Amino acid sequence: MGFFNKKPSEKKVYSLQEAMKKISENSDYSVVETQGGFRLIHDSKIKSQIESIKKENEFRKRISGDGKYQNLSIKTQNNFKDINNTYNMNIER
C-alpha cells in the first residue's frame, strides 16, 4: 500500500533538487530548510502555525496596552514603619 502513496514524507529530509521535484508534483506543500537539507510541510500546517503566532502577538500587544506599558518602571517602597503604626504591631528587623 505504501507504493501508491503520492504524498511526500514530512519527516524525511530531502536535497534541494529532490524537494523542488516533490513540490512540482505536490503544489499544496512548501519547502522548509532544516539541518542537513529541506523538508516538505503541508500548507495547512504552515497556515495554522502563522495564525497561532499572530494570535500570540495580538495577545501580547493587548496586555501591554499597545506598547504603553512595556517600558514602565515600577518603584516599590517598604514602609514597615507605616504598617507598624497602622496595626499597632511590633515588627522586629
N, C-alpha and C. Protein backbone atom coordinates (compact mmCIF):
# COMPACT_ATOMS: atom_id res chain seq x y z
N MET A 1 0.80 -1.19 0.00
CA MET A 1 0.00 0.00 0.00
C MET A 1 0.85 1.26 0.00
N GLY A 2 2.05 1.16 0.53
CA GLY A 2 2.93 2.30 0.55
C GLY A 2 3.43 2.69 -0.83
N PHE A 3 3.33 1.78 -1.78
CA PHE A 3 3.79 2.07 -3.12
C PHE A 3 2.93 3.10 -3.83
N PHE A 4 1.65 3.19 -3.44
CA PHE A 4 0.73 4.08 -4.12
C PHE A 4 0.57 5.43 -3.42
N ASN A 5 1.29 5.62 -2.33
CA ASN A 5 1.21 6.86 -1.58
C ASN A 5 2.00 7.93 -2.32
N LYS A 6 1.32 8.95 -2.82
CA LYS A 6 1.97 10.00 -3.60
C LYS A 6 2.38 11.19 -2.74
N LYS A 7 1.95 11.22 -1.48
CA LYS A 7 2.28 12.34 -0.61
C LYS A 7 3.73 12.24 -0.16
N PRO A 8 4.44 13.36 -0.15
CA PRO A 8 5.82 13.33 0.35
C PRO A 8 5.84 13.20 1.86
N SER A 9 6.88 12.60 2.37
CA SER A 9 7.03 12.44 3.80
C SER A 9 7.46 13.75 4.43
N GLU A 10 6.78 14.16 5.52
CA GLU A 10 7.14 15.40 6.19
C GLU A 10 8.31 15.21 7.14
N LYS A 11 8.64 13.97 7.44
CA LYS A 11 9.75 13.69 8.35
C LYS A 11 11.07 13.53 7.61
N LYS A 12 11.00 13.20 6.35
CA LYS A 12 12.20 12.94 5.56
C LYS A 12 12.88 14.25 5.17
N VAL A 13 14.21 14.23 5.19
CA VAL A 13 14.99 15.40 4.78
C VAL A 13 15.44 15.16 3.34
N TYR A 14 15.10 16.08 2.47
CA TYR A 14 15.41 15.97 1.05
C TYR A 14 16.54 16.92 0.68
N SER A 15 17.19 16.62 -0.43
CA SER A 15 18.12 17.58 -1.01
C SER A 15 17.28 18.65 -1.70
N LEU A 16 17.88 19.74 -2.09
CA LEU A 16 17.13 20.82 -2.73
C LEU A 16 16.50 20.35 -4.03
N GLN A 17 17.24 19.59 -4.81
CA GLN A 17 16.72 19.10 -6.08
C GLN A 17 15.52 18.17 -5.88
N GLU A 18 15.63 17.27 -4.91
CA GLU A 18 14.52 16.35 -4.62
C GLU A 18 13.30 17.12 -4.11
N ALA A 19 13.54 18.10 -3.23
CA ALA A 19 12.45 18.88 -2.67
C ALA A 19 11.72 19.67 -3.75
N MET A 20 12.46 20.25 -4.67
CA MET A 20 11.84 21.02 -5.75
C MET A 20 11.04 20.10 -6.68
N LYS A 21 11.53 18.89 -6.89
CA LYS A 21 10.81 17.93 -7.72
C LYS A 21 9.49 17.54 -7.05
N LYS A 22 9.55 17.29 -5.73
CA LYS A 22 8.34 16.92 -4.98
C LYS A 22 7.33 18.07 -4.96
N ILE A 23 7.83 19.31 -4.87
CA ILE A 23 6.96 20.48 -4.85
C ILE A 23 6.24 20.62 -6.19
N SER A 24 6.94 20.34 -7.28
CA SER A 24 6.29 20.44 -8.59
C SER A 24 5.19 19.39 -8.74
N GLU A 25 5.34 18.25 -8.08
CA GLU A 25 4.33 17.19 -8.13
C GLU A 25 3.19 17.44 -7.13
N ASN A 26 3.49 18.11 -6.02
CA ASN A 26 2.50 18.36 -4.95
C ASN A 26 2.48 19.85 -4.64
N SER A 27 1.58 20.56 -5.27
CA SER A 27 1.58 22.02 -5.14
C SER A 27 1.09 22.51 -3.79
N ASP A 28 0.51 21.64 -2.97
CA ASP A 28 0.00 22.08 -1.67
C ASP A 28 1.01 21.90 -0.54
N TYR A 29 2.28 21.73 -0.88
CA TYR A 29 3.36 21.61 0.10
C TYR A 29 4.33 22.76 -0.09
N SER A 30 5.05 23.09 0.98
CA SER A 30 6.07 24.13 0.94
C SER A 30 7.38 23.55 1.45
N VAL A 31 8.47 24.16 1.04
CA VAL A 31 9.81 23.70 1.42
C VAL A 31 10.30 24.52 2.60
N VAL A 32 10.82 23.84 3.61
CA VAL A 32 11.39 24.49 4.79
C VAL A 32 12.80 23.95 4.97
N GLU A 33 13.75 24.87 5.12
CA GLU A 33 15.15 24.44 5.29
C GLU A 33 15.37 23.96 6.71
N THR A 34 16.04 22.82 6.85
CA THR A 34 16.38 22.28 8.15
C THR A 34 17.85 21.88 8.13
N GLN A 35 18.30 21.36 9.24
CA GLN A 35 19.69 20.93 9.32
C GLN A 35 19.88 19.71 8.42
N GLY A 36 20.78 19.82 7.47
CA GLY A 36 21.09 18.71 6.58
C GLY A 36 20.28 18.68 5.30
N GLY A 37 19.38 19.63 5.07
CA GLY A 37 18.61 19.62 3.84
C GLY A 37 17.31 20.39 3.97
N PHE A 38 16.27 19.83 3.32
CA PHE A 38 14.98 20.51 3.24
C PHE A 38 13.86 19.53 3.56
N ARG A 39 12.81 20.04 4.20
CA ARG A 39 11.63 19.23 4.49
C ARG A 39 10.43 19.83 3.78
N LEU A 40 9.48 18.98 3.49
CA LEU A 40 8.24 19.43 2.88
C LEU A 40 7.15 19.42 3.94
N ILE A 41 6.43 20.53 4.06
CA ILE A 41 5.38 20.66 5.05
C ILE A 41 4.11 21.10 4.32
N HIS A 42 3.00 20.51 4.69
CA HIS A 42 1.72 20.84 4.06
C HIS A 42 1.35 22.28 4.40
N ASP A 43 0.77 22.97 3.44
CA ASP A 43 0.43 24.39 3.60
C ASP A 43 -0.55 24.64 4.74
N SER A 44 -1.44 23.69 5.02
CA SER A 44 -2.40 23.90 6.11
C SER A 44 -1.70 23.97 7.46
N LYS A 45 -0.63 23.18 7.64
CA LYS A 45 0.14 23.24 8.89
C LYS A 45 0.87 24.57 9.02
N ILE A 46 1.40 25.05 7.92
CA ILE A 46 2.11 26.33 7.94
C ILE A 46 1.14 27.46 8.26
N LYS A 47 -0.04 27.43 7.65
CA LYS A 47 -1.04 28.47 7.91
C LYS A 47 -1.48 28.46 9.37
N SER A 48 -1.65 27.27 9.94
CA SER A 48 -2.08 27.22 11.34
C SER A 48 -0.99 27.73 12.27
N GLN A 49 0.28 27.47 11.95
CA GLN A 49 1.37 28.00 12.76
C GLN A 49 1.44 29.51 12.66
N ILE A 50 1.25 30.05 11.47
CA ILE A 50 1.25 31.50 11.28
C ILE A 50 0.11 32.14 12.06
N GLU A 51 -1.07 31.53 12.03
CA GLU A 51 -2.22 32.05 12.77
C GLU A 51 -1.97 32.04 14.28
N SER A 52 -1.34 30.97 14.78
CA SER A 52 -1.07 30.92 16.22
C SER A 52 -0.05 31.97 16.63
N ILE A 53 0.93 32.23 15.78
CA ILE A 53 1.92 33.28 16.07
C ILE A 53 1.24 34.65 16.05
N LYS A 54 0.34 34.88 15.10
CA LYS A 54 -0.39 36.16 15.04
C LYS A 54 -1.24 36.36 16.29
N LYS A 55 -1.94 35.30 16.72
CA LYS A 55 -2.76 35.40 17.93
C LYS A 55 -1.92 35.70 19.15
N GLU A 56 -0.75 35.06 19.24
CA GLU A 56 0.14 35.30 20.37
C GLU A 56 0.63 36.74 20.38
N ASN A 57 0.99 37.26 19.21
CA ASN A 57 1.46 38.64 19.11
C ASN A 57 0.34 39.63 19.44
N GLU A 58 -0.89 39.33 18.98
CA GLU A 58 -2.02 40.20 19.31
C GLU A 58 -2.29 40.20 20.81
N PHE A 59 -2.18 39.04 21.44
CA PHE A 59 -2.39 38.95 22.89
C PHE A 59 -1.34 39.77 23.63
N ARG A 60 -0.09 39.63 23.24
CA ARG A 60 0.99 40.41 23.88
C ARG A 60 0.76 41.90 23.70
N LYS A 61 0.32 42.27 22.52
CA LYS A 61 0.08 43.68 22.24
C LYS A 61 -1.07 44.20 23.09
N ARG A 62 -2.13 43.38 23.24
CA ARG A 62 -3.29 43.77 24.03
C ARG A 62 -2.95 43.95 25.49
N ILE A 63 -2.20 43.01 26.07
CA ILE A 63 -1.92 43.11 27.50
C ILE A 63 -0.88 44.17 27.81
N SER A 64 -0.11 44.61 26.80
CA SER A 64 0.85 45.67 27.05
C SER A 64 0.26 47.03 26.72
N GLY A 65 -1.03 47.09 26.38
CA GLY A 65 -1.66 48.37 26.08
C GLY A 65 -1.10 49.01 24.84
N ASP A 66 -0.94 48.23 23.79
CA ASP A 66 -0.31 48.68 22.53
C ASP A 66 1.09 49.24 22.77
N GLY A 67 1.81 48.65 23.70
CA GLY A 67 3.18 49.05 23.96
C GLY A 67 3.34 50.13 25.00
N LYS A 68 2.24 50.61 25.56
CA LYS A 68 2.32 51.70 26.54
C LYS A 68 2.98 51.25 27.84
N TYR A 69 2.78 49.97 28.20
CA TYR A 69 3.24 49.50 29.50
C TYR A 69 4.56 48.73 29.42
N GLN A 70 5.15 48.64 28.26
CA GLN A 70 6.36 47.84 28.11
C GLN A 70 7.55 48.44 28.85
N ASN A 71 7.71 49.73 28.80
CA ASN A 71 8.88 50.37 29.40
C ASN A 71 8.53 51.05 30.72
N LEU A 72 7.51 50.58 31.37
CA LEU A 72 7.07 51.15 32.62
C LEU A 72 7.96 50.65 33.75
N SER A 73 8.51 51.56 34.53
CA SER A 73 9.32 51.15 35.67
C SER A 73 8.48 51.32 36.93
N ILE A 74 8.47 50.29 37.73
CA ILE A 74 7.67 50.30 38.96
C ILE A 74 8.61 50.42 40.15
N LYS A 75 8.36 51.39 40.97
CA LYS A 75 9.17 51.59 42.18
C LYS A 75 8.37 51.10 43.37
N THR A 76 8.96 50.24 44.13
CA THR A 76 8.29 49.75 45.33
C THR A 76 8.92 50.39 46.56
N GLN A 77 8.12 50.52 47.59
CA GLN A 77 8.61 51.09 48.84
C GLN A 77 8.28 50.13 49.96
N ASN A 78 9.21 49.97 50.85
CA ASN A 78 8.98 49.14 52.03
C ASN A 78 8.74 50.06 53.21
N ASN A 79 7.48 50.27 53.50
CA ASN A 79 7.11 51.16 54.59
C ASN A 79 6.68 50.33 55.79
N PHE A 80 7.63 49.69 56.42
CA PHE A 80 7.32 48.88 57.59
C PHE A 80 6.89 49.75 58.76
N LYS A 81 7.41 50.97 58.84
CA LYS A 81 7.01 51.86 59.94
C LYS A 81 5.53 52.21 59.82
N ASP A 82 5.05 52.48 58.60
CA ASP A 82 3.64 52.81 58.41
C ASP A 82 2.76 51.62 58.76
N ILE A 83 3.17 50.43 58.38
CA ILE A 83 2.39 49.24 58.69
C ILE A 83 2.38 49.02 60.20
N ASN A 84 3.52 49.19 60.84
CA ASN A 84 3.64 49.00 62.28
C ASN A 84 2.72 49.98 63.01
N ASN A 85 2.70 51.23 62.59
CA ASN A 85 1.86 52.22 63.24
C ASN A 85 0.38 51.99 62.98
N THR A 86 0.05 51.53 61.79
CA THR A 86 -1.34 51.33 61.43
C THR A 86 -1.97 50.20 62.21
N TYR A 87 -1.26 49.10 62.37
CA TYR A 87 -1.83 47.93 63.01
C TYR A 87 -1.35 47.73 64.44
N ASN A 88 -0.56 48.66 64.96
CA ASN A 88 -0.02 48.58 66.31
C ASN A 88 0.71 47.24 66.54
N MET A 89 1.54 46.92 65.61
CA MET A 89 2.30 45.66 65.71
C MET A 89 3.77 46.00 65.91
N ASN A 90 4.45 45.13 66.57
CA ASN A 90 5.89 45.28 66.72
C ASN A 90 6.58 44.37 65.71
N ILE A 91 7.14 44.98 64.71
CA ILE A 91 7.87 44.22 63.69
C ILE A 91 9.35 44.39 63.98
N GLU A 92 10.00 43.29 64.24
CA GLU A 92 11.43 43.35 64.53
C GLU A 92 12.18 43.06 63.27
N ARG A 93 13.26 43.73 63.13
CA ARG A 93 14.10 43.54 61.94
C ARG A 93 15.39 42.91 62.31
